């Protein structure tokens, strides 16, 4: 399908990502996107029929539960005064 999009977070090879670092990649029919399994990513909504094939490679010696994914948390900062959480530091 043309015009399929995915968000990736370059440099996010840990369990927290900066929302401001998000990059959106456009994929068209026949395109293939290959990346490390620990790159934080998420699909983008669509308003018409869309097919995505998502798979992963098992590496010998690296434990992986079948049909599992790992959670990523957007990095947040807590206000010292009101204790509210924000996705970027306030100056």
PDB file of N, CA and C in Angstrom:
ATOM      1  N   UNK A   1       0.837  -1.173   0.000  1.00  0.00           N
ATOM      2  CA  UNK A   1       0.000   0.000   0.000  1.00  0.00           C
ATOM      3  C   UNK A   1       0.890   1.248   0.000  1.00  0.00           C
ATOM      4  N   UNK A   2       0.583   2.166  -0.816  1.00  0.00           N
ATOM      5  CA  UNK A   2       1.312   3.432  -0.799  1.00  0.00           C
ATOM      6  C   UNK A   2       0.854   4.276   0.389  1.00  0.00           C
ATOM      7  N   UNK A   3       1.709   5.189   0.755  1.00  0.00           N
ATOM      8  CA  UNK A   3       1.407   6.143   1.830  1.00  0.00           C
ATOM      9  C   UNK A   3       1.129   5.467   3.175  1.00  0.00           C
ATOM     10  N   UNK A   4       1.989   4.540   3.539  1.00  0.00           N
ATOM     11  CA  UNK A   4       1.976   3.963   4.880  1.00  0.00           C
ATOM     12  C   UNK A   4       3.073   4.665   5.667  1.00  0.00           C
ATOM     13  N   UNK A   5       2.789   5.025   6.887  1.00  0.00           N
ATOM     14  CA  UNK A   5       3.749   5.781   7.685  1.00  0.00           C
ATOM     15  C   UNK A   5       4.076   5.042   8.972  1.00  0.00           C
ATOM     16  N   UNK A   6       5.287   5.257   9.453  1.00  0.00           N
ATOM     17  CA  UNK A   6       5.717   4.716  10.735  1.00  0.00           C
ATOM     18  C   UNK A   6       6.542   5.788  11.444  1.00  0.00           C
ATOM     19  N   UNK A   7       6.348   5.908  12.735  1.00  0.00           N
ATOM     20  CA  UNK A   7       7.163   6.819  13.542  1.00  0.00           C
ATOM     21  C   UNK A   7       8.330   6.032  14.125  1.00  0.00           C
ATOM     22  N   UNK A   8       9.524   6.605  14.057  1.00  0.00           N
ATOM     23  CA  UNK A   8      10.699   6.026  14.706  1.00  0.00           C
ATOM     24  C   UNK A   8      11.350   7.102  15.567  1.00  0.00           C
ATOM     25  N   UNK A   9      12.105   6.659  16.531  1.00  0.00           N
ATOM     26  CA  UNK A   9      12.764   7.560  17.478  1.00  0.00           C
ATOM     27  C   UNK A   9      14.259   7.256  17.455  1.00  0.00           C
ATOM     28  N   UNK A  10      15.015   7.875  16.510  1.00  0.00           N
ATOM     29  CA  UNK A  10      16.444   7.586  16.371  1.00  0.00           C
ATOM     30  C   UNK A  10      17.197   7.785  17.687  1.00  0.00           C
ATOM     31  N   UNK A  11      18.124   6.879  17.942  1.00  0.00           N
ATOM     32  CA  UNK A  11      18.935   6.976  19.155  1.00  0.00           C
ATOM     33  C   UNK A  11      18.214   6.530  20.406  1.00  0.00           C
ATOM     34  N   UNK A  12      17.079   5.886  20.261  1.00  0.00           N
ATOM     35  CA  UNK A  12      16.253   5.530  21.422  1.00  0.00           C
ATOM     36  C   UNK A  12      16.482   4.089  21.858  1.00  0.00           C
ATOM     37  N   UNK A  13      17.693   3.650  21.876  1.00  0.00           N
ATOM     38  CA  UNK A  13      17.973   2.255  22.194  1.00  0.00           C
ATOM     39  C   UNK A  13      17.991   2.014  23.694  1.00  0.00           C
ATOM     40  N   UNK A  14      16.946   2.424  24.372  1.00  0.00           N
ATOM     41  CA  UNK A  14      16.760   2.154  25.801  1.00  0.00           C
ATOM     42  C   UNK A  14      15.261   2.187  26.064  1.00  0.00           C
ATOM     43  N   UNK A  15      14.864   2.308  27.296  1.00  0.00           N
ATOM     44  CA  UNK A  15      13.430   2.226  27.587  1.00  0.00           C
ATOM     45  C   UNK A  15      12.738   3.575  27.698  1.00  0.00           C
ATOM     46  N   UNK A  16      13.431   4.678  27.410  1.00  0.00           N
ATOM     47  CA  UNK A  16      12.805   6.002  27.420  1.00  0.00           C
ATOM     48  C   UNK A  16      13.170   6.736  26.140  1.00  0.00           C
ATOM     49  N   UNK A  17      12.205   7.446  25.586  1.00  0.00           N
ATOM     50  CA  UNK A  17      12.464   8.189  24.356  1.00  0.00           C
ATOM     51  C   UNK A  17      12.017   9.637  24.507  1.00  0.00           C
ATOM     52  N   UNK A  18      12.632  10.482  23.716  1.00  0.00           N
ATOM     53  CA  UNK A  18      12.249  11.888  23.654  1.00  0.00           C
ATOM     54  C   UNK A  18      11.203  12.034  22.550  1.00  0.00           C
ATOM     55  N   UNK A  19      10.022  12.470  22.898  1.00  0.00           N
ATOM     56  CA  UNK A  19       8.962  12.644  21.903  1.00  0.00           C
ATOM     57  C   UNK A  19       9.404  13.607  20.797  1.00  0.00           C
ATOM     58  N   UNK A  20      10.201  14.597  21.144  1.00  0.00           N
ATOM     59  CA  UNK A  20      10.633  15.588  20.154  1.00  0.00           C
ATOM     60  C   UNK A  20      11.602  14.997  19.130  1.00  0.00           C
ATOM     61  N   UNK A  21      12.163  13.811  19.407  1.00  0.00           N
ATOM     62  CA  UNK A  21      13.095  13.190  18.474  1.00  0.00           C
ATOM     63  C   UNK A  21      12.424  12.339  17.410  1.00  0.00           C
ATOM     64  N   UNK A  22      11.110  12.313  17.407  1.00  0.00           N
ATOM     65  CA  UNK A  22      10.365  11.457  16.488  1.00  0.00           C
ATOM     66  C   UNK A  22      10.590  11.853  15.033  1.00  0.00           C
ATOM     67  N   UNK A  23      10.771  10.843  14.190  1.00  0.00           N
ATOM     68  CA  UNK A  23      10.860  11.030  12.745  1.00  0.00           C
ATOM     69  C   UNK A  23       9.789  10.155  12.107  1.00  0.00           C
ATOM     70  N   UNK A  24       9.146  10.647  11.079  1.00  0.00           N
ATOM     71  CA  UNK A  24       8.114   9.884  10.388  1.00  0.00           C
ATOM     72  C   UNK A  24       8.655   9.434   9.040  1.00  0.00           C
ATOM     73  N   UNK A  25       8.526   8.149   8.782  1.00  0.00           N
ATOM     74  CA  UNK A  25       9.012   7.563   7.536  1.00  0.00           C
ATOM     75  C   UNK A  25       7.809   7.162   6.688  1.00  0.00           C
ATOM     76  N   UNK A  26       7.862   7.523   5.419  1.00  0.00           N
ATOM     77  CA  UNK A  26       6.793   7.161   4.477  1.00  0.00           C
ATOM     78  C   UNK A  26       7.233   5.928   3.698  1.00  0.00           C
ATOM     79  N   UNK A  27       6.363   4.942   3.647  1.00  0.00           N
ATOM     80  CA  UNK A  27       6.634   3.714   2.903  1.00  0.00           C
ATOM     81  C   UNK A  27       5.578   3.543   1.817  1.00  0.00           C
ATOM     82  N   UNK A  28       6.008   3.061   0.665  1.00  0.00           N
ATOM     83  CA  UNK A  28       5.092   2.764  -0.431  1.00  0.00           C
ATOM     84  C   UNK A  28       5.121   1.272  -0.729  1.00  0.00           C
ATOM     85  N   UNK A  29       4.192   0.812  -1.535  1.00  0.00           N
ATOM     86  CA  UNK A  29       4.123  -0.606  -1.894  1.00  0.00           C
ATOM     87  C   UNK A  29       5.493  -1.084  -2.369  1.00  0.00           C
ATOM     88  N   UNK A  30       5.931  -2.213  -1.834  1.00  0.00           N
ATOM     89  CA  UNK A  30       7.226  -2.772  -2.214  1.00  0.00           C
ATOM     90  C   UNK A  30       8.380  -2.315  -1.349  1.00  0.00           C
ATOM     91  N   UNK A  31       8.186  -1.308  -0.525  1.00  0.00           N
ATOM     92  CA  UNK A  31       9.250  -0.844   0.360  1.00  0.00           C
ATOM     93  C   UNK A  31       9.427  -1.806   1.525  1.00  0.00           C
ATOM     94  N   UNK A  32      10.644  -1.847   2.043  1.00  0.00           N
ATOM     95  CA  UNK A  32      10.981  -2.664   3.202  1.00  0.00           C
ATOM     96  C   UNK A  32      11.758  -1.795   4.169  1.00  0.00           C
ATOM     97  N   UNK A  33      11.393  -1.823   5.421  1.00  0.00           N
ATOM     98  CA  UNK A  33      12.107  -1.076   6.453  1.00  0.00           C
ATOM     99  C   UNK A  33      12.677  -2.093   7.427  1.00  0.00           C
ATOM    100  N   UNK A  34      13.986  -2.093   7.591  1.00  0.00           N
ATOM    101  CA  UNK A  34      14.669  -3.024   8.476  1.00  0.00           C
ATOM    102  C   UNK A  34      15.398  -2.214   9.533  1.00  0.00           C
ATOM    103  N   UNK A  35      15.182  -2.544  10.801  1.00  0.00           N
ATOM    104  CA  UNK A  35      15.841  -1.803  11.873  1.00  0.00           C
ATOM    105  C   UNK A  35      16.091  -2.713  13.057  1.00  0.00           C
ATOM    106  N   UNK A  36      16.960  -2.251  13.964  1.00  0.00           N
ATOM    107  CA  UNK A  36      17.247  -3.006  15.188  1.00  0.00           C
ATOM    108  C   UNK A  36      15.971  -3.169  15.997  1.00  0.00           C
ATOM    109  N   UNK A  37      15.858  -4.292  16.668  1.00  0.00           N
ATOM    110  CA  UNK A  37      14.661  -4.576  17.446  1.00  0.00           C
ATOM    111  C   UNK A  37      14.450  -3.668  18.630  1.00  0.00           C
ATOM    112  N   UNK A  38      15.502  -2.984  19.078  1.00  0.00           N
ATOM    113  CA  UNK A  38      15.339  -2.102  20.233  1.00  0.00           C
ATOM    114  C   UNK A  38      15.126  -0.643  19.837  1.00  0.00           C
ATOM    115  N   UNK A  39      14.879  -0.384  18.557  1.00  0.00           N
ATOM    116  CA  UNK A  39      14.531   0.975  18.121  1.00  0.00           C
ATOM    117  C   UNK A  39      13.062   1.227  18.450  1.00  0.00           C
ATOM    118  N   UNK A  40      12.796   2.235  19.240  1.00  0.00           N
ATOM    119  CA  UNK A  40      11.404   2.576  19.562  1.00  0.00           C
ATOM    120  C   UNK A  40      10.700   3.021  18.281  1.00  0.00           C
ATOM    121  N   UNK A  41       9.501   2.492  18.065  1.00  0.00           N
ATOM    122  CA  UNK A  41       8.743   2.804  16.851  1.00  0.00           C
ATOM    123  C   UNK A  41       7.264   2.566  17.111  1.00  0.00           C
ATOM    124  N   UNK A  42       6.442   3.163  16.304  1.00  0.00           N
ATOM    125  CA  UNK A  42       5.007   2.889  16.349  1.00  0.00           C
ATOM    126  C   UNK A  42       4.375   3.240  15.008  1.00  0.00           C
ATOM    127  N   UNK A  43       3.308   2.533  14.703  1.00  0.00           N
ATOM    128  CA  UNK A  43       2.584   2.784  13.466  1.00  0.00           C
ATOM    129  C   UNK A  43       1.786   4.075  13.557  1.00  0.00           C
ATOM    130  N   UNK A  44       1.371   4.549  12.414  1.00  0.00           N
ATOM    131  CA  UNK A  44       0.580   5.769  12.318  1.00  0.00           C
ATOM    132  C   UNK A  44      -0.808   5.378  11.816  1.00  0.00           C
ATOM    133  N   UNK A  45      -1.830   6.005  12.335  1.00  0.00           N
ATOM    134  CA  UNK A  45      -3.200   5.698  11.918  1.00  0.00           C
ATOM    135  C   UNK A  45      -3.417   5.915  10.430  1.00  0.00           C
ATOM    136  N   UNK A  46      -4.437   5.292   9.909  1.00  0.00           N
ATOM    137  CA  UNK A  46      -4.770   5.436   8.499  1.00  0.00           C
ATOM    138  C   UNK A  46      -6.281   5.450   8.356  1.00  0.00           C
ATOM    139  N   UNK A  47      -6.769   6.042   7.268  1.00  0.00           N
ATOM    140  CA  UNK A  47      -8.218   6.184   7.108  1.00  0.00           C
ATOM    141  C   UNK A  47      -8.776   5.386   5.934  1.00  0.00           C
ATOM    142  N   UNK A  48      -7.976   4.475   5.397  1.00  0.00           N
ATOM    143  CA  UNK A  48      -8.453   3.585   4.335  1.00  0.00           C
ATOM    144  C   UNK A  48      -7.777   2.232   4.516  1.00  0.00           C
ATOM    145  N   UNK A  49      -8.180   1.257   3.733  1.00  0.00           N
ATOM    146  CA  UNK A  49      -7.630  -0.088   3.842  1.00  0.00           C
ATOM    147  C   UNK A  49      -6.109  -0.037   3.780  1.00  0.00           C
ATOM    148  N   UNK A  50      -5.443  -0.751   4.683  1.00  0.00           N
ATOM    149  CA  UNK A  50      -3.990  -0.721   4.761  1.00  0.00           C
ATOM    150  C   UNK A  50      -3.505  -2.074   5.264  1.00  0.00           C
ATOM    151  N   UNK A  51      -2.445  -2.580   4.672  1.00  0.00           N
ATOM    152  CA  UNK A  51      -1.860  -3.853   5.099  1.00  0.00           C
ATOM    153  C   UNK A  51      -0.408  -3.612   5.475  1.00  0.00           C
ATOM    154  N   UNK A  52      -0.026  -4.088   6.668  1.00  0.00           N
ATOM    155  CA  UNK A  52       1.367  -4.010   7.113  1.00  0.00           C
ATOM    156  C   UNK A  52       1.801  -5.407   7.517  1.00  0.00           C
ATOM    157  N   UNK A  53       2.999  -5.774   7.169  1.00  0.00           N
ATOM    158  CA  UNK A  53       3.568  -7.038   7.601  1.00  0.00           C
ATOM    159  C   UNK A  53       4.671  -6.710   8.594  1.00  0.00           C
ATOM    160  N   UNK A  54       4.540  -7.208   9.801  1.00  0.00           N
ATOM    161  CA  UNK A  54       5.485  -6.912  10.870  1.00  0.00           C
ATOM    162  C   UNK A  54       6.062  -8.232  11.350  1.00  0.00           C
ATOM    163  N   UNK A  55       7.362  -8.392  11.276  1.00  0.00           N
ATOM    164  CA  UNK A  55       7.987  -9.629  11.736  1.00  0.00           C
ATOM    165  C   UNK A  55       9.324  -9.297  12.385  1.00  0.00           C
ATOM    166  N   UNK A  56       9.903 -10.279  13.033  1.00  0.00           N
ATOM    167  CA  UNK A  56      11.195 -10.069  13.669  1.00  0.00           C
ATOM    168  C   UNK A  56      12.046 -11.314  13.515  1.00  0.00           C
ATOM    169  N   UNK A  57      13.350 -11.148  13.701  1.00  0.00           N
ATOM    170  CA  UNK A  57      14.315 -12.229  13.569  1.00  0.00           C
ATOM    171  C   UNK A  57      14.726 -12.680  14.964  1.00  0.00           C
ATOM    172  N   UNK A  58      14.658 -13.974  15.204  1.00  0.00           N
ATOM    173  CA  UNK A  58      15.145 -14.514  16.470  1.00  0.00           C
ATOM    174  C   UNK A  58      16.649 -14.740  16.360  1.00  0.00           C
ATOM    175  N   UNK A  59      17.375 -14.295  17.366  1.00  0.00           N
ATOM    176  CA  UNK A  59      18.825 -14.439  17.381  1.00  0.00           C
ATOM    177  C   UNK A  59      19.198 -15.506  18.398  1.00  0.00           C
ATOM    178  N   UNK A  60      19.962 -16.487  17.967  1.00  0.00           N
ATOM    179  CA  UNK A  60      20.373 -17.562  18.864  1.00  0.00           C
ATOM    180  C   UNK A  60      21.107 -16.974  20.075  1.00  0.00           C
ATOM    181  N   UNK A  61      20.695 -17.396  21.270  1.00  0.00           N
ATOM    182  CA  UNK A  61      21.339 -16.926  22.493  1.00  0.00           C
ATOM    183  C   UNK A  61      20.663 -15.722  23.127  1.00  0.00           C
ATOM    184  N   UNK A  62      19.741 -15.085  22.415  1.00  0.00           N
ATOM    185  CA  UNK A  62      19.002 -13.942  22.952  1.00  0.00           C
ATOM    186  C   UNK A  62      17.579 -14.407  23.245  1.00  0.00           C
ATOM    187  N   UNK A  63      17.185 -14.454  24.533  1.00  0.00           N
ATOM    188  CA  UNK A  63      15.840 -14.938  24.854  1.00  0.00           C
ATOM    189  C   UNK A  63      14.752 -13.971  24.371  1.00  0.00           C
ATOM    190  N   UNK A  64      13.713 -14.530  23.787  1.00  0.00           N
ATOM    191  CA  UNK A  64      12.583 -13.731  23.309  1.00  0.00           C
ATOM    192  C   UNK A  64      11.326 -14.571  23.448  1.00  0.00           C
ATOM    193  N   UNK A  65      10.348 -14.071  24.173  1.00  0.00           N
ATOM    194  CA  UNK A  65       9.082 -14.778  24.304  1.00  0.00           C
ATOM    195  C   UNK A  65       8.304 -14.675  22.994  1.00  0.00           C
ATOM    196  N   UNK A  66       7.627 -15.735  22.575  1.00  0.00           N
ATOM    197  CA  UNK A  66       6.829 -15.669  21.346  1.00  0.00           C
ATOM    198  C   UNK A  66       5.755 -14.576  21.433  1.00  0.00           C
ATOM    199  N   UNK A  67       5.529 -13.891  20.325  1.00  0.00           N
ATOM    200  CA  UNK A  67       4.480 -12.869  20.227  1.00  0.00           C
ATOM    201  C   UNK A  67       4.578 -11.808  21.315  1.00  0.00           C
ATOM    202  N   UNK A  68       5.780 -11.388  21.644  1.00  0.00           N
ATOM    203  CA  UNK A  68       5.948 -10.397  22.711  1.00  0.00           C
ATOM    204  C   UNK A  68       6.584  -9.122  22.165  1.00  0.00           C
ATOM    205  N   UNK A  69       6.319  -8.037  22.835  1.00  0.00           N
ATOM    206  CA  UNK A  69       6.958  -6.758  22.538  1.00  0.00           C
ATOM    207  C   UNK A  69       7.403  -6.143  23.852  1.00  0.00           C
ATOM    208  N   UNK A  70       8.196  -5.110  23.766  1.00  0.00           N
ATOM    209  CA  UNK A  70       8.655  -4.425  24.964  1.00  0.00           C
ATOM    210  C   UNK A  70       8.098  -3.013  24.976  1.00  0.00           C
ATOM    211  N   UNK A  71       7.747  -2.554  26.148  1.00  0.00           N
ATOM    212  CA  UNK A  71       7.174  -1.213  26.292  1.00  0.00           C
ATOM    213  C   UNK A  71       8.269  -0.153  26.300  1.00  0.00           C
ATOM    214  N   UNK A  72       7.929   0.999  25.775  1.00  0.00           N
ATOM    215  CA  UNK A  72       8.811   2.162  25.799  1.00  0.00           C
ATOM    216  C   UNK A  72       8.029   3.303  26.421  1.00  0.00           C
ATOM    217  N   UNK A  73       8.687   4.057  27.275  1.00  0.00           N
ATOM    218  CA  UNK A  73       8.041   5.172  27.961  1.00  0.00           C
ATOM    219  C   UNK A  73       8.599   6.473  27.408  1.00  0.00           C
ATOM    220  N   UNK A  74       7.714   7.408  27.093  1.00  0.00           N
ATOM    221  CA  UNK A  74       8.178   8.731  26.690  1.00  0.00           C
ATOM    222  C   UNK A  74       8.837   9.383  27.895  1.00  0.00           C
ATOM    223  N   UNK A  75      10.002   9.936  27.684  1.00  0.00           N
ATOM    224  CA  UNK A  75      10.712  10.586  28.780  1.00  0.00           C
ATOM    225  C   UNK A  75       9.862  11.727  29.312  1.00  0.00           C
ATOM    226  N   UNK A  76       9.798  11.848  30.621  1.00  0.00           N
ATOM    227  CA  UNK A  76       8.984  12.910  31.214  1.00  0.00           C
ATOM    228  C   UNK A  76       9.761  13.611  32.318  1.00  0.00           C
ATOM    229  N   UNK A  77       9.321  14.799  32.630  1.00  0.00           N
ATOM    230  CA  UNK A  77       9.936  15.630  33.658  1.00  0.00           C
ATOM    231  C   UNK A  77       8.845  16.083  34.609  1.00  0.00           C
ATOM    232  N   UNK A  78       9.157  16.080  35.881  1.00  0.00           N
ATOM    233  CA  UNK A  78       8.166  16.454  36.887  1.00  0.00           C
ATOM    234  C   UNK A  78       8.432  17.868  37.388  1.00  0.00           C
ATOM    235  N   UNK A  79       7.375  18.681  37.411  1.00  0.00           N
ATOM    236  CA  UNK A  79       7.468  20.048  37.921  1.00  0.00           C
ATOM    237  C   UNK A  79       7.703  19.995  39.429  1.00  0.00           C
ATOM    238  N   UNK A  80       8.675  20.742  39.896  1.00  0.00           N
ATOM    239  CA  UNK A  80       8.993  20.766  41.331  1.00  0.00           C
ATOM    240  C   UNK A  80       7.901  21.427  42.156  1.00  0.00           C
ATOM    241  N   UNK A  81       7.098  22.261  41.529  1.00  0.00           N
ATOM    242  CA  UNK A  81       6.065  22.995  42.274  1.00  0.00           C
ATOM    243  C   UNK A  81       4.725  22.265  42.311  1.00  0.00           C
ATOM    244  N   UNK A  82       4.258  21.809  41.146  1.00  0.00           N
ATOM    245  CA  UNK A  82       2.916  21.210  41.096  1.00  0.00           C
ATOM    246  C   UNK A  82       2.939  19.691  40.927  1.00  0.00           C
ATOM    247  N   UNK A  83       4.095  19.110  40.709  1.00  0.00           N
ATOM    248  CA  UNK A  83       4.330  17.670  40.491  1.00  0.00           C
ATOM    249  C   UNK A  83       3.697  17.122  39.212  1.00  0.00           C
ATOM    250  N   UNK A  84       3.226  18.004  38.312  1.00  0.00           N
ATOM    251  CA  UNK A  84       2.682  17.544  37.033  1.00  0.00           C
ATOM    252  C   UNK A  84       3.823  17.048  36.142  1.00  0.00           C
ATOM    253  N   UNK A  85       3.536  16.051  35.300  1.00  0.00           N
ATOM    254  CA  UNK A  85       4.538  15.510  34.393  1.00  0.00           C
ATOM    255  C   UNK A  85       4.429  16.167  33.021  1.00  0.00           C
ATOM    256  N   UNK A  86       5.581  16.433  32.416  1.00  0.00           N
ATOM    257  CA  UNK A  86       5.666  17.037  31.089  1.00  0.00           C
ATOM    258  C   UNK A  86       6.602  16.202  30.231  1.00  0.00           C
ATOM    259  N   UNK A  87       6.435  16.260  28.889  1.00  0.00           N
ATOM    260  CA  UNK A  87       7.309  15.503  27.997  1.00  0.00           C
ATOM    261  C   UNK A  87       8.534  16.296  27.565  1.00  0.00           C
ATOM    262  N   UNK A  88       8.669  17.503  28.053  1.00  0.00           N
ATOM    263  CA  UNK A  88       9.892  18.285  27.811  1.00  0.00           C
ATOM    264  C   UNK A  88      10.151  19.145  29.028  1.00  0.00           C
ATOM    265  N   UNK A  89      11.411  19.501  29.216  1.00  0.00           N
ATOM    266  CA  UNK A  89      11.755  20.336  30.359  1.00  0.00           C
ATOM    267  C   UNK A  89      11.276  21.757  30.126  1.00  0.00           C
ATOM    268  N   UNK A  90      10.745  22.360  31.154  1.00  0.00           N
ATOM    269  CA  UNK A  90      10.319  23.754  31.071  1.00  0.00           C
ATOM    270  C   UNK A  90      11.449  24.631  31.566  1.00  0.00           C
ATOM    271  N   UNK A  91      11.688  25.723  30.880  1.00  0.00           N
ATOM    272  CA  UNK A  91      12.771  26.638  31.288  1.00  0.00           C
ATOM    273  C   UNK A  91      12.278  27.657  32.272  1.00  0.00           C
TER     274      UNK A  91
END
